[in-house]
């Protein structure tokens, strides 16, 4: 129970960091360009990731060497597109809240497909009302956020 709570808090904090990152990157994109903001964000992120790697590696991991499949090296590609696309959409009429709400819908949709078909070595979880209804509620909420905001301006 405590581990589940701890993991849940980490996931929430991850969302906080994502919102902060998207907002800062969109401001940087206005000052420069969306692609330059992506380069800067990923350059700084790469340096921080290297530092974190060195810090945690020095603690002495007892994990065995695992073969890294070639496809794992392409994980940064979606991240680069995320920064560029979010930098553009945050500065549009849908704003930060709309961008994050729509991004959440995309995350839900893809995660449901990944779990439904067991893609990327994930356990198979059959699509059910229990995981579809919350996605529909989030979608409805996102649409209300965006259209109430746009319509109210």
Protein backbone atom coordinates (compact mmCIF):
# COMPACT_ATOMS: atom_id res chain seq x y z
CA UNK A 1 0.00 0.00 0.00
CA UNK A 2 2.77 2.42 0.95
CA UNK A 3 4.71 1.56 -2.20
CA UNK A 4 1.63 2.20 -4.36
CA UNK A 5 1.13 5.59 -2.65
CA UNK A 6 4.79 6.46 -3.16
CA UNK A 7 4.64 5.53 -6.85
CA UNK A 8 1.41 7.51 -7.24
CA UNK A 9 3.02 10.60 -5.71
CA UNK A 10 6.00 10.21 -8.05
CA UNK A 11 3.61 10.04 -11.02
CA UNK A 12 1.81 13.20 -9.86
CA UNK A 13 5.15 14.98 -9.42
CA UNK A 14 6.09 13.84 -12.92
CA UNK A 15 2.94 15.54 -14.20
CA UNK A 16 3.85 18.73 -12.32
CA UNK A 17 7.30 18.68 -13.90
CA UNK A 18 5.76 18.04 -17.34
CA UNK A 19 3.47 21.08 -17.01
CA UNK A 20 6.41 23.21 -15.85
CA UNK A 21 8.61 21.95 -18.70
CA UNK A 22 5.98 22.60 -21.35
CA UNK A 23 5.32 26.11 -20.06
CA UNK A 24 9.00 27.08 -19.86
CA UNK A 25 9.74 25.55 -23.27
CA UNK A 26 6.85 27.43 -24.86
CA UNK A 27 8.18 30.71 -23.47
CA UNK A 28 11.60 29.81 -24.85
CA UNK A 29 10.01 28.99 -28.22
CA UNK A 30 8.44 32.45 -28.35
CA UNK A 31 11.84 34.03 -27.66
CA UNK A 32 13.63 31.79 -30.16
CA UNK A 33 11.77 29.11 -32.17
CA UNK A 34 10.08 25.81 -31.39
CA UNK A 35 12.95 23.77 -32.82
CA UNK A 36 15.60 25.83 -31.05
CA UNK A 37 13.65 25.47 -27.79
CA UNK A 38 13.69 21.71 -28.32
CA UNK A 39 17.46 21.71 -28.87
CA UNK A 40 18.06 23.74 -25.74
CA UNK A 41 15.66 21.68 -23.63
CA UNK A 42 17.14 18.39 -24.75
CA UNK A 43 20.71 19.62 -24.41
CA UNK A 44 20.15 20.73 -20.83
CA UNK A 45 18.09 17.60 -20.18
CA UNK A 46 20.89 15.43 -21.53
CA UNK A 47 23.39 17.06 -19.20
CA UNK A 48 21.08 16.60 -16.19
CA UNK A 49 20.39 12.99 -17.20
CA UNK A 50 24.14 12.33 -17.40
CA UNK A 51 24.66 13.83 -13.95
CA UNK A 52 21.82 11.74 -12.50
CA UNK A 53 23.26 8.65 -14.15
CA UNK A 54 26.69 9.32 -12.65
CA UNK A 55 25.22 9.97 -9.20
CA UNK A 56 23.11 6.81 -9.13
CA UNK A 57 25.75 4.67 -10.82
CA UNK A 58 28.21 5.57 -8.08
CA UNK A 59 25.84 4.07 -5.51
CA UNK A 60 26.78 0.65 -6.88
CA UNK A 61 24.00 -1.08 -8.74
CA UNK A 62 23.87 -4.86 -8.39
CA UNK A 63 21.94 -5.24 -11.66
CA UNK A 64 23.32 -7.50 -14.34
CA UNK A 65 24.22 -6.19 -17.77
CA UNK A 66 21.17 -6.39 -20.00
CA UNK A 67 21.21 -6.38 -23.76
CA UNK A 68 19.85 -3.06 -25.03
CA UNK A 69 17.70 -3.51 -28.10
CA UNK A 70 18.21 -1.05 -30.95
CA UNK A 71 14.66 0.31 -30.70
CA UNK A 72 15.38 1.61 -27.19
CA UNK A 73 17.70 4.27 -28.61
CA UNK A 74 14.78 5.99 -30.34
CA UNK A 75 12.89 6.96 -27.16
CA UNK A 76 14.06 10.57 -27.47
CA UNK A 77 12.31 11.06 -30.81
CA UNK A 78 8.80 11.35 -29.33
CA UNK A 79 10.25 13.62 -26.63
CA UNK A 80 11.68 15.99 -29.23
CA UNK A 81 8.37 16.17 -31.08
CA UNK A 82 6.52 16.64 -27.78
CA UNK A 83 8.61 19.69 -26.92
CA UNK A 84 8.21 21.23 -30.38
CA UNK A 85 4.47 20.57 -30.69
CA UNK A 86 3.66 21.60 -27.12
CA UNK A 87 5.75 24.76 -27.50
CA UNK A 88 3.59 25.73 -30.44
CA UNK A 89 0.19 24.78 -28.97
CA UNK A 90 0.73 26.34 -25.53
CA UNK A 91 1.14 29.73 -27.18
CA UNK A 92 -2.10 29.26 -29.15
CA UNK A 93 -5.67 29.90 -28.09
CA UNK A 94 -5.91 26.50 -26.38
CA UNK A 95 -3.18 27.47 -23.89
CA UNK A 96 -1.30 25.39 -21.35
CA UNK A 97 -4.36 23.76 -19.78
CA UNK A 98 -5.84 22.79 -23.14
CA UNK A 99 -2.50 21.49 -24.40
CA UNK A 100 -1.99 19.33 -21.32
CA UNK A 101 -5.59 18.09 -21.36
CA UNK A 102 -5.34 17.07 -25.01
CA UNK A 103 -1.92 15.53 -24.44
CA UNK A 104 -3.43 13.50 -21.61
CA UNK A 105 -6.10 12.20 -23.99
CA UNK A 106 -3.38 11.13 -26.41
CA UNK A 107 -1.53 9.38 -23.59
CA UNK A 108 -4.69 7.59 -22.47
CA UNK A 109 -5.56 6.50 -26.00
CA UNK A 110 -2.12 5.12 -26.78
CA UNK A 111 -1.75 3.46 -23.38
CA UNK A 112 -5.11 1.71 -23.84
CA UNK A 113 -3.95 0.39 -27.22
CA UNK A 114 -0.57 -0.69 -25.86
CA UNK A 115 -2.19 -2.57 -23.00
CA UNK A 116 -4.98 -4.03 -25.16
CA UNK A 117 -2.51 -5.62 -27.56
CA UNK A 118 0.43 -6.10 -25.18
CA UNK A 119 2.74 -3.93 -27.28
CA UNK A 120 6.29 -3.06 -26.18
CA UNK A 121 6.40 -6.03 -23.79
CA UNK A 122 3.60 -4.64 -21.63
CA UNK A 123 1.18 -7.00 -19.93
CA UNK A 124 -2.11 -7.38 -21.78
CA UNK A 125 -5.03 -5.60 -20.13
CA UNK A 126 -8.34 -6.00 -21.92
CA UNK A 127 -10.27 -2.82 -22.67
CA UNK A 128 -13.24 -2.54 -20.33
CA UNK A 129 -15.71 0.03 -19.07
CA UNK A 130 -13.57 0.40 -15.95
CA UNK A 131 -10.72 1.92 -17.98
CA UNK A 132 -12.72 3.40 -20.85
CA UNK A 133 -15.19 5.51 -18.83
CA UNK A 134 -12.51 7.60 -17.05
CA UNK A 135 -10.90 8.26 -20.44
CA UNK A 136 -14.24 9.50 -21.77
CA UNK A 137 -14.67 11.74 -18.72
CA UNK A 138 -11.20 13.22 -19.22
CA UNK A 139 -12.00 13.77 -22.89
CA UNK A 140 -15.25 15.53 -22.02
CA UNK A 141 -13.44 17.65 -19.42
CA UNK A 142 -10.72 18.58 -21.89
CA UNK A 143 -13.28 19.66 -24.46
CA UNK A 144 -15.06 21.78 -21.83
CA UNK A 145 -11.77 23.39 -20.80
CA UNK A 146 -10.86 24.25 -24.38
CA UNK A 147 -14.22 25.37 -25.72
CA UNK A 148 -15.24 27.26 -22.57
CA UNK A 149 -11.88 29.07 -22.68
CA UNK A 150 -12.00 29.85 -26.39
CA UNK A 151 -15.70 30.72 -26.33
CA UNK A 152 -15.28 32.91 -23.25
CA UNK A 153 -12.57 35.12 -24.77
